[in-house]
């Protein structure tokens, strides 16, 4: 699996690039990515948009 930037999500960068991540770490990475993607895809409630418009 790759991230949106196209880089592999199961390999670290830099000096540790040759070391594969443990399976548990990979699972946490995948779960965090899914949670982040889900939060980004949520719509902003109209009440929040109304409050933000009052700041202008």
N, C-alpha and C. Protein backbone atom coordinates (compact mmCIF):
# COMPACT_ATOMS: atom_id res chain seq x y z
N UNK A 1 0.85 -1.18 0.00
CA UNK A 1 0.00 0.00 0.00
C UNK A 1 0.88 1.23 0.00
N UNK A 2 0.44 2.27 -0.69
CA UNK A 2 1.20 3.50 -0.75
C UNK A 2 0.36 4.64 -0.21
N UNK A 3 1.02 5.67 0.26
CA UNK A 3 0.33 6.86 0.72
C UNK A 3 -0.06 7.71 -0.48
N UNK A 4 -0.76 8.80 -0.23
CA UNK A 4 -1.19 9.66 -1.32
C UNK A 4 -0.02 10.27 -2.07
N UNK A 5 1.12 10.39 -1.40
CA UNK A 5 2.30 10.95 -2.06
C UNK A 5 3.03 9.92 -2.91
N UNK A 6 2.58 8.65 -2.81
CA UNK A 6 3.18 7.61 -3.62
C UNK A 6 4.29 6.85 -2.94
N UNK A 7 4.66 7.24 -1.72
CA UNK A 7 5.73 6.53 -1.02
C UNK A 7 5.15 5.35 -0.25
N UNK A 8 5.93 4.28 -0.10
CA UNK A 8 5.43 3.13 0.65
C UNK A 8 5.18 3.50 2.10
N UNK A 9 4.10 2.98 2.68
CA UNK A 9 3.77 3.32 4.05
C UNK A 9 4.43 2.39 5.05
N UNK A 10 5.03 1.29 4.58
CA UNK A 10 5.60 0.32 5.52
C UNK A 10 7.12 0.40 5.60
N UNK A 11 7.73 1.42 5.02
CA UNK A 11 9.19 1.54 5.06
C UNK A 11 9.58 2.91 5.57
N UNK A 12 10.45 2.96 6.58
CA UNK A 12 10.90 4.25 7.09
C UNK A 12 11.90 4.90 6.14
N UNK A 13 12.06 6.19 6.28
CA UNK A 13 13.02 6.92 5.45
C UNK A 13 14.31 7.14 6.22
N UNK A 14 15.31 7.58 5.53
CA UNK A 14 16.57 7.93 6.17
C UNK A 14 17.43 6.73 6.49
N UNK A 15 18.18 6.83 7.60
CA UNK A 15 19.15 5.79 7.95
C UNK A 15 18.51 4.44 8.27
N UNK A 16 17.23 4.43 8.64
CA UNK A 16 16.55 3.18 8.97
C UNK A 16 15.79 2.59 7.78
N UNK A 17 16.04 3.11 6.58
CA UNK A 17 15.29 2.69 5.41
C UNK A 17 15.46 1.20 5.11
N UNK A 18 16.59 0.61 5.47
CA UNK A 18 16.81 -0.80 5.17
C UNK A 18 16.12 -1.73 6.17
N UNK A 19 15.64 -1.19 7.30
CA UNK A 19 14.99 -2.01 8.32
C UNK A 19 13.48 -2.03 8.08
N UNK A 20 12.89 -3.20 7.90
CA UNK A 20 11.42 -3.24 7.76
C UNK A 20 10.76 -2.96 9.11
N UNK A 21 9.61 -2.31 9.06
CA UNK A 21 8.88 -2.03 10.29
C UNK A 21 8.22 -3.30 10.81
N UNK A 22 8.14 -3.46 12.12
CA UNK A 22 7.42 -4.61 12.68
C UNK A 22 5.95 -4.56 12.26
N UNK A 23 5.32 -5.72 12.20
CA UNK A 23 3.93 -5.82 11.74
C UNK A 23 2.99 -4.95 12.58
N UNK A 24 3.18 -4.91 13.89
CA UNK A 24 2.31 -4.10 14.74
C UNK A 24 2.42 -2.62 14.39
N UNK A 25 3.61 -2.18 14.09
CA UNK A 25 3.82 -0.78 13.71
C UNK A 25 3.13 -0.49 12.38
N UNK A 26 3.24 -1.41 11.46
CA UNK A 26 2.55 -1.26 10.17
C UNK A 26 1.05 -1.17 10.37
N UNK A 27 0.50 -2.01 11.26
CA UNK A 27 -0.94 -2.01 11.53
C UNK A 27 -1.38 -0.67 12.13
N UNK A 28 -0.57 -0.14 13.04
CA UNK A 28 -0.89 1.16 13.64
C UNK A 28 -0.83 2.25 12.57
N UNK A 29 0.18 2.21 11.72
CA UNK A 29 0.30 3.19 10.64
C UNK A 29 -0.94 3.17 9.74
N UNK A 30 -1.40 1.99 9.38
CA UNK A 30 -2.57 1.86 8.51
C UNK A 30 -3.81 2.40 9.22
N UNK A 31 -3.97 2.06 10.50
CA UNK A 31 -5.14 2.53 11.26
C UNK A 31 -5.14 4.05 11.39
N UNK A 32 -3.97 4.64 11.65
CA UNK A 32 -3.88 6.09 11.75
C UNK A 32 -4.17 6.77 10.42
N UNK A 33 -3.67 6.19 9.34
CA UNK A 33 -3.92 6.75 8.01
C UNK A 33 -5.42 6.72 7.69
N UNK A 34 -6.08 5.62 8.02
CA UNK A 34 -7.52 5.52 7.77
C UNK A 34 -8.29 6.54 8.60
N UNK A 35 -7.91 6.70 9.86
CA UNK A 35 -8.58 7.68 10.72
C UNK A 35 -8.38 9.10 10.19
N UNK A 36 -7.17 9.40 9.76
CA UNK A 36 -6.87 10.72 9.20
C UNK A 36 -7.68 10.96 7.93
N UNK A 37 -7.67 9.99 7.03
CA UNK A 37 -8.41 10.13 5.77
C UNK A 37 -9.90 10.32 6.03
N UNK A 38 -10.42 9.59 7.01
CA UNK A 38 -11.83 9.71 7.36
C UNK A 38 -12.15 11.11 7.88
N UNK A 39 -11.29 11.64 8.73
CA UNK A 39 -11.51 12.98 9.29
C UNK A 39 -11.42 14.05 8.20
N UNK A 40 -10.49 13.89 7.29
CA UNK A 40 -10.33 14.86 6.20
C UNK A 40 -11.55 14.86 5.28
N UNK A 41 -12.15 13.70 5.09
CA UNK A 41 -13.29 13.56 4.18
C UNK A 41 -14.61 14.03 4.79
N UNK A 42 -14.65 14.27 6.11
CA UNK A 42 -15.89 14.72 6.75
C UNK A 42 -16.26 16.11 6.27
N UNK A 43 -17.56 16.34 6.16
CA UNK A 43 -18.03 17.67 5.79
C UNK A 43 -18.06 18.56 7.04
N UNK A 44 -17.91 19.84 6.82
CA UNK A 44 -17.95 20.79 7.92
C UNK A 44 -19.42 21.13 8.17
N UNK A 45 -19.89 20.98 9.40
CA UNK A 45 -21.29 21.28 9.70
C UNK A 45 -21.64 22.74 9.39
N UNK A 46 -22.86 22.97 8.95
CA UNK A 46 -23.28 24.32 8.60
C UNK A 46 -23.16 25.27 9.77
N UNK A 47 -23.43 24.80 10.98
CA UNK A 47 -23.33 25.68 12.15
C UNK A 47 -21.89 26.18 12.33
N UNK A 48 -20.91 25.33 12.03
CA UNK A 48 -19.50 25.75 12.12
C UNK A 48 -19.18 26.77 11.02
N UNK A 49 -19.69 26.52 9.83
CA UNK A 49 -19.47 27.47 8.73
C UNK A 49 -20.09 28.82 9.06
N UNK A 50 -21.27 28.80 9.70
CA UNK A 50 -21.93 30.06 10.09
C UNK A 50 -21.06 30.82 11.10
N UNK A 51 -20.52 30.10 12.08
CA UNK A 51 -19.64 30.74 13.06
C UNK A 51 -18.40 31.32 12.40
N UNK A 52 -17.82 30.57 11.48
CA UNK A 52 -16.62 31.05 10.80
C UNK A 52 -16.91 32.29 9.95
N UNK A 53 -18.09 32.33 9.35
CA UNK A 53 -18.44 33.49 8.52
C UNK A 53 -18.59 34.75 9.35
N UNK A 54 -18.92 34.60 10.64
CA UNK A 54 -19.05 35.77 11.52
C UNK A 54 -17.69 36.38 11.84
N UNK A 55 -16.62 35.67 11.63
CA UNK A 55 -15.29 36.19 11.89
C UNK A 55 -14.83 37.17 10.81
N UNK A 56 -15.43 37.13 9.66
CA UNK A 56 -15.02 38.02 8.55
C UNK A 56 -15.53 39.40 8.72
